[in-house]
N, C-alpha and C. Protein backbone atom coordinates (compact mmCIF):
# COMPACT_ATOMS: atom_id res chain seq x y z
N MET A 1 -10.74 -15.82 -19.49
CA MET A 1 -9.72 -15.58 -18.45
C MET A 1 -8.55 -14.96 -19.03
N ILE A 2 -8.11 -13.77 -18.63
CA ILE A 2 -6.87 -13.11 -19.14
C ILE A 2 -5.70 -13.42 -18.15
N GLN A 3 -4.63 -13.79 -18.84
CA GLN A 3 -3.49 -14.20 -18.07
C GLN A 3 -2.60 -12.91 -18.13
N GLU A 4 -2.09 -12.48 -16.97
CA GLU A 4 -1.15 -11.37 -17.05
C GLU A 4 0.32 -11.86 -17.11
N ILE A 5 1.00 -11.29 -17.93
CA ILE A 5 2.34 -11.67 -18.20
C ILE A 5 3.28 -10.47 -17.92
N TYR A 6 4.23 -10.75 -16.95
CA TYR A 6 5.10 -9.63 -16.61
C TYR A 6 6.44 -9.68 -17.42
N THR A 7 7.04 -8.56 -17.65
CA THR A 7 8.27 -8.64 -18.45
C THR A 7 9.39 -8.86 -17.43
N ASP A 8 10.52 -9.23 -18.04
CA ASP A 8 11.70 -9.50 -17.29
C ASP A 8 12.05 -8.22 -16.40
N LYS A 9 11.93 -7.11 -17.02
CA LYS A 9 12.21 -5.71 -16.37
C LYS A 9 11.38 -5.61 -15.05
N GLU A 10 10.05 -5.98 -15.20
CA GLU A 10 9.13 -5.93 -14.13
C GLU A 10 9.46 -6.87 -12.98
N ILE A 11 9.77 -8.04 -13.44
CA ILE A 11 10.12 -9.11 -12.48
C ILE A 11 11.44 -8.75 -11.71
N LEU A 12 12.41 -8.31 -12.44
CA LEU A 12 13.64 -7.95 -11.76
C LEU A 12 13.59 -6.70 -10.92
N ALA A 13 12.77 -5.75 -11.37
CA ALA A 13 12.51 -4.52 -10.60
C ALA A 13 11.81 -4.86 -9.21
N ASP A 14 10.92 -5.76 -9.37
CA ASP A 14 10.13 -6.25 -8.10
C ASP A 14 11.08 -7.00 -7.26
N ALA A 15 12.03 -7.86 -7.83
CA ALA A 15 13.02 -8.59 -6.93
C ALA A 15 13.97 -7.63 -6.27
N LEU A 16 14.44 -6.59 -7.07
CA LEU A 16 15.37 -5.63 -6.42
C LEU A 16 14.63 -4.80 -5.33
N THR A 17 13.41 -4.46 -5.42
CA THR A 17 12.67 -3.71 -4.42
C THR A 17 12.60 -4.75 -3.26
N ALA A 18 12.29 -5.89 -3.49
CA ALA A 18 12.21 -6.94 -2.36
C ALA A 18 13.55 -7.05 -1.54
N GLU A 19 14.67 -7.11 -2.35
CA GLU A 19 15.97 -7.23 -1.78
C GLU A 19 16.34 -6.01 -0.82
N LYS A 20 15.97 -4.84 -1.39
CA LYS A 20 16.14 -3.59 -0.65
C LYS A 20 15.44 -3.49 0.64
N ALA A 21 14.21 -4.00 0.64
CA ALA A 21 13.43 -4.13 1.84
C ALA A 21 14.00 -5.13 2.76
N ALA A 22 14.41 -6.29 2.26
CA ALA A 22 15.02 -7.42 3.14
C ALA A 22 16.20 -6.75 3.85
N THR A 23 17.04 -6.13 3.11
CA THR A 23 18.34 -5.77 3.64
C THR A 23 18.13 -4.65 4.72
N ASN A 24 17.13 -3.74 4.45
CA ASN A 24 16.70 -2.86 5.48
C ASN A 24 16.31 -3.48 6.77
N ASN A 25 15.45 -4.44 6.60
CA ASN A 25 14.82 -5.15 7.80
C ASN A 25 15.91 -5.95 8.47
N TYR A 26 16.85 -6.73 7.87
CA TYR A 26 17.84 -7.37 8.55
C TYR A 26 18.83 -6.48 9.29
N ASN A 27 19.10 -5.35 8.70
CA ASN A 27 19.92 -4.36 9.30
C ASN A 27 19.32 -3.89 10.64
N THR A 28 18.05 -3.52 10.63
CA THR A 28 17.36 -3.03 11.75
C THR A 28 17.37 -4.19 12.85
N PHE A 29 17.08 -5.48 12.40
CA PHE A 29 17.09 -6.51 13.41
C PHE A 29 18.42 -6.65 14.04
N ALA A 30 19.44 -6.58 13.27
CA ALA A 30 20.82 -6.60 13.79
C ALA A 30 21.18 -5.55 14.69
N ASN A 31 20.75 -4.41 14.35
CA ASN A 31 21.05 -3.22 15.31
C ASN A 31 20.24 -3.49 16.53
N GLU A 32 19.13 -4.02 16.59
CA GLU A 32 18.37 -4.14 17.90
C GLU A 32 18.48 -5.50 18.65
N CYS A 33 19.45 -6.37 18.09
CA CYS A 33 19.63 -7.63 18.66
C CYS A 33 20.46 -7.54 19.96
N VAL A 34 20.05 -8.23 20.94
CA VAL A 34 20.76 -8.29 22.31
C VAL A 34 21.79 -9.42 22.31
N HIS A 35 21.55 -10.56 21.83
CA HIS A 35 22.26 -11.80 21.88
C HIS A 35 23.23 -11.97 20.75
N ASN A 36 24.56 -12.00 21.04
CA ASN A 36 25.51 -12.12 20.00
C ASN A 36 25.41 -13.22 18.99
N ASN A 37 24.99 -14.39 19.37
CA ASN A 37 24.88 -15.50 18.54
C ASN A 37 23.68 -15.33 17.58
N VAL A 38 22.66 -14.74 17.94
CA VAL A 38 21.46 -14.28 17.17
C VAL A 38 21.85 -13.19 16.14
N ARG A 39 22.56 -12.18 16.71
CA ARG A 39 23.07 -11.11 15.93
C ARG A 39 23.98 -11.63 14.76
N ASP A 40 24.86 -12.50 15.06
CA ASP A 40 25.87 -13.06 14.01
C ASP A 40 24.95 -13.78 12.88
N ALA A 41 23.95 -14.54 13.39
CA ALA A 41 23.16 -15.18 12.33
C ALA A 41 22.36 -14.09 11.52
N ILE A 42 21.85 -13.14 12.07
CA ILE A 42 21.18 -12.05 11.31
C ILE A 42 22.12 -11.38 10.28
N LEU A 43 23.41 -11.10 10.89
CA LEU A 43 24.32 -10.51 10.09
C LEU A 43 24.64 -11.34 8.81
N HIS A 44 24.67 -12.63 9.06
CA HIS A 44 25.02 -13.63 7.91
C HIS A 44 23.90 -13.57 6.95
N CYS A 45 22.64 -13.56 7.34
CA CYS A 45 21.48 -13.38 6.44
C CYS A 45 21.62 -11.99 5.84
N LEU A 46 22.05 -10.96 6.46
CA LEU A 46 22.22 -9.63 5.81
C LEU A 46 23.13 -9.76 4.67
N GLU A 47 24.24 -10.45 4.90
CA GLU A 47 25.27 -10.57 3.90
C GLU A 47 24.83 -11.23 2.70
N GLN A 48 24.11 -12.38 2.92
CA GLN A 48 23.51 -13.21 1.80
C GLN A 48 22.56 -12.29 0.98
N GLU A 49 21.71 -11.56 1.73
CA GLU A 49 20.73 -10.61 0.98
C GLU A 49 21.41 -9.58 0.24
N HIS A 50 22.51 -9.01 0.64
CA HIS A 50 23.35 -8.09 -0.10
C HIS A 50 23.79 -8.66 -1.32
N SER A 51 24.29 -10.02 -1.25
CA SER A 51 24.90 -10.65 -2.37
C SER A 51 23.64 -10.89 -3.45
N ILE A 52 22.58 -11.33 -3.00
CA ILE A 52 21.51 -11.52 -3.85
C ILE A 52 21.01 -10.17 -4.53
N GLN A 53 20.95 -9.11 -3.76
CA GLN A 53 20.74 -7.78 -4.33
C GLN A 53 21.68 -7.40 -5.36
N GLU A 54 23.00 -7.67 -5.02
CA GLU A 54 24.03 -7.29 -6.07
C GLU A 54 23.82 -8.09 -7.34
N ASP A 55 23.46 -9.37 -7.30
CA ASP A 55 23.22 -10.25 -8.49
C ASP A 55 22.07 -9.64 -9.41
N VAL A 56 20.94 -9.31 -8.61
CA VAL A 56 19.76 -8.65 -9.24
C VAL A 56 20.12 -7.35 -10.02
N PHE A 57 20.74 -6.47 -9.19
CA PHE A 57 21.23 -5.29 -9.76
C PHE A 57 21.99 -5.52 -11.05
N ASN A 58 23.07 -6.33 -10.87
CA ASN A 58 23.89 -6.62 -12.07
C ASN A 58 23.18 -7.16 -13.24
N MET A 59 22.25 -8.06 -13.00
CA MET A 59 21.33 -8.49 -14.13
C MET A 59 20.51 -7.35 -14.75
N MET A 60 19.98 -6.42 -14.03
CA MET A 60 19.25 -5.32 -14.52
C MET A 60 20.23 -4.41 -15.32
N HIS A 61 21.38 -4.22 -14.73
CA HIS A 61 22.35 -3.23 -15.39
C HIS A 61 22.78 -3.80 -16.76
N GLU A 62 23.21 -5.09 -16.72
CA GLU A 62 23.64 -5.68 -17.99
C GLU A 62 22.58 -5.73 -19.07
N ARG A 63 21.29 -5.83 -18.71
CA ARG A 63 20.19 -5.81 -19.61
C ARG A 63 19.76 -4.38 -20.07
N GLY A 64 20.42 -3.38 -19.44
CA GLY A 64 19.97 -1.99 -19.64
C GLY A 64 18.72 -1.54 -18.97
N TYR A 65 18.29 -2.24 -17.90
CA TYR A 65 17.11 -1.92 -17.26
C TYR A 65 17.42 -0.82 -16.05
N TYR A 66 18.62 -0.80 -15.71
CA TYR A 66 19.04 0.03 -14.65
C TYR A 66 20.41 0.72 -15.09
N PRO A 67 20.23 1.74 -16.00
CA PRO A 67 21.45 2.34 -16.45
C PRO A 67 22.09 3.22 -15.39
N THR A 68 23.47 3.25 -15.24
CA THR A 68 24.01 4.16 -14.50
C THR A 68 25.18 4.77 -15.26
N PRO A 69 24.99 6.17 -15.30
CA PRO A 69 26.13 6.94 -16.07
C PRO A 69 27.40 6.80 -15.26
N ASP A 70 28.40 6.99 -16.04
CA ASP A 70 29.85 7.11 -15.59
C ASP A 70 30.05 8.39 -14.79
N ALA A 71 30.50 8.17 -13.63
CA ALA A 71 30.80 9.35 -12.65
C ALA A 71 32.04 10.06 -13.17
N GLU A 72 32.10 11.40 -12.94
CA GLU A 72 33.25 12.15 -13.19
C GLU A 72 34.49 11.80 -12.26
N ALA A 73 35.52 11.70 -12.75
CA ALA A 73 36.70 11.31 -11.84
C ALA A 73 36.89 12.12 -10.64
N ASN A 74 36.60 13.33 -10.72
CA ASN A 74 36.81 14.26 -9.46
C ASN A 74 35.74 13.96 -8.41
N LYS A 75 34.55 13.55 -8.92
CA LYS A 75 33.49 13.22 -8.04
C LYS A 75 33.68 11.91 -7.29
N VAL A 76 34.40 10.85 -8.01
CA VAL A 76 34.71 9.66 -7.49
C VAL A 76 35.84 9.90 -6.42
N GLN A 77 36.77 10.66 -6.75
CA GLN A 77 37.90 11.01 -5.83
C GLN A 77 37.31 11.56 -4.51
N GLY A 78 36.45 12.51 -4.66
CA GLY A 78 35.80 13.21 -3.64
C GLY A 78 34.92 12.41 -2.68
N ALA A 79 34.22 11.38 -3.37
CA ALA A 79 33.49 10.50 -2.49
C ALA A 79 34.42 9.54 -1.70
N LYS A 80 35.54 9.13 -2.44
CA LYS A 80 36.45 8.19 -1.69
C LYS A 80 37.09 8.90 -0.37
N GLN A 81 37.42 10.14 -0.68
CA GLN A 81 38.04 10.89 0.50
C GLN A 81 36.93 11.08 1.62
N LYS A 82 35.84 11.41 1.16
CA LYS A 82 34.66 11.58 2.28
C LYS A 82 34.48 10.31 3.03
N PHE A 83 34.30 9.27 2.33
CA PHE A 83 33.99 7.98 3.16
C PHE A 83 35.22 7.36 3.82
N ALA A 84 36.42 7.73 3.29
CA ALA A 84 37.69 7.30 3.95
C ALA A 84 37.79 7.77 5.46
N GLN A 85 37.18 8.98 5.57
CA GLN A 85 37.25 9.53 6.90
C GLN A 85 36.34 8.85 7.85
N CYS A 86 35.29 8.17 7.28
CA CYS A 86 34.33 7.51 8.12
C CYS A 86 34.85 6.08 8.60
N VAL A 87 35.92 5.52 8.00
CA VAL A 87 36.39 4.29 8.23
C VAL A 87 37.10 4.34 9.65
N LYS A 88 36.71 3.31 10.40
CA LYS A 88 37.25 3.25 11.74
C LYS A 88 38.70 2.51 11.79
N THR A 89 39.60 3.23 12.26
CA THR A 89 40.99 2.65 12.30
C THR A 89 41.16 1.97 13.54
N VAL A 90 41.86 0.90 13.52
CA VAL A 90 42.00 0.00 14.78
C VAL A 90 43.47 0.07 15.31
């Protein structure tokens, strides 16, 4: 009998993929929910899943499994300006 052994990178990549799917599903559920108390519970779950996803991503990034190059300062500023326009002011 051959025992399959998965690397840390494979396990974390699988966990990250699962978290991305979970956040997509919870987001859809929240968008389609009619009852506020149920929607609030789903949004709470969504927030927790985002936190888990961040933890998994950070583990991968710290171990070099998910490298992210530094962004150019002008591109960062452009993204900030673009998304600042999307923020709803109250």
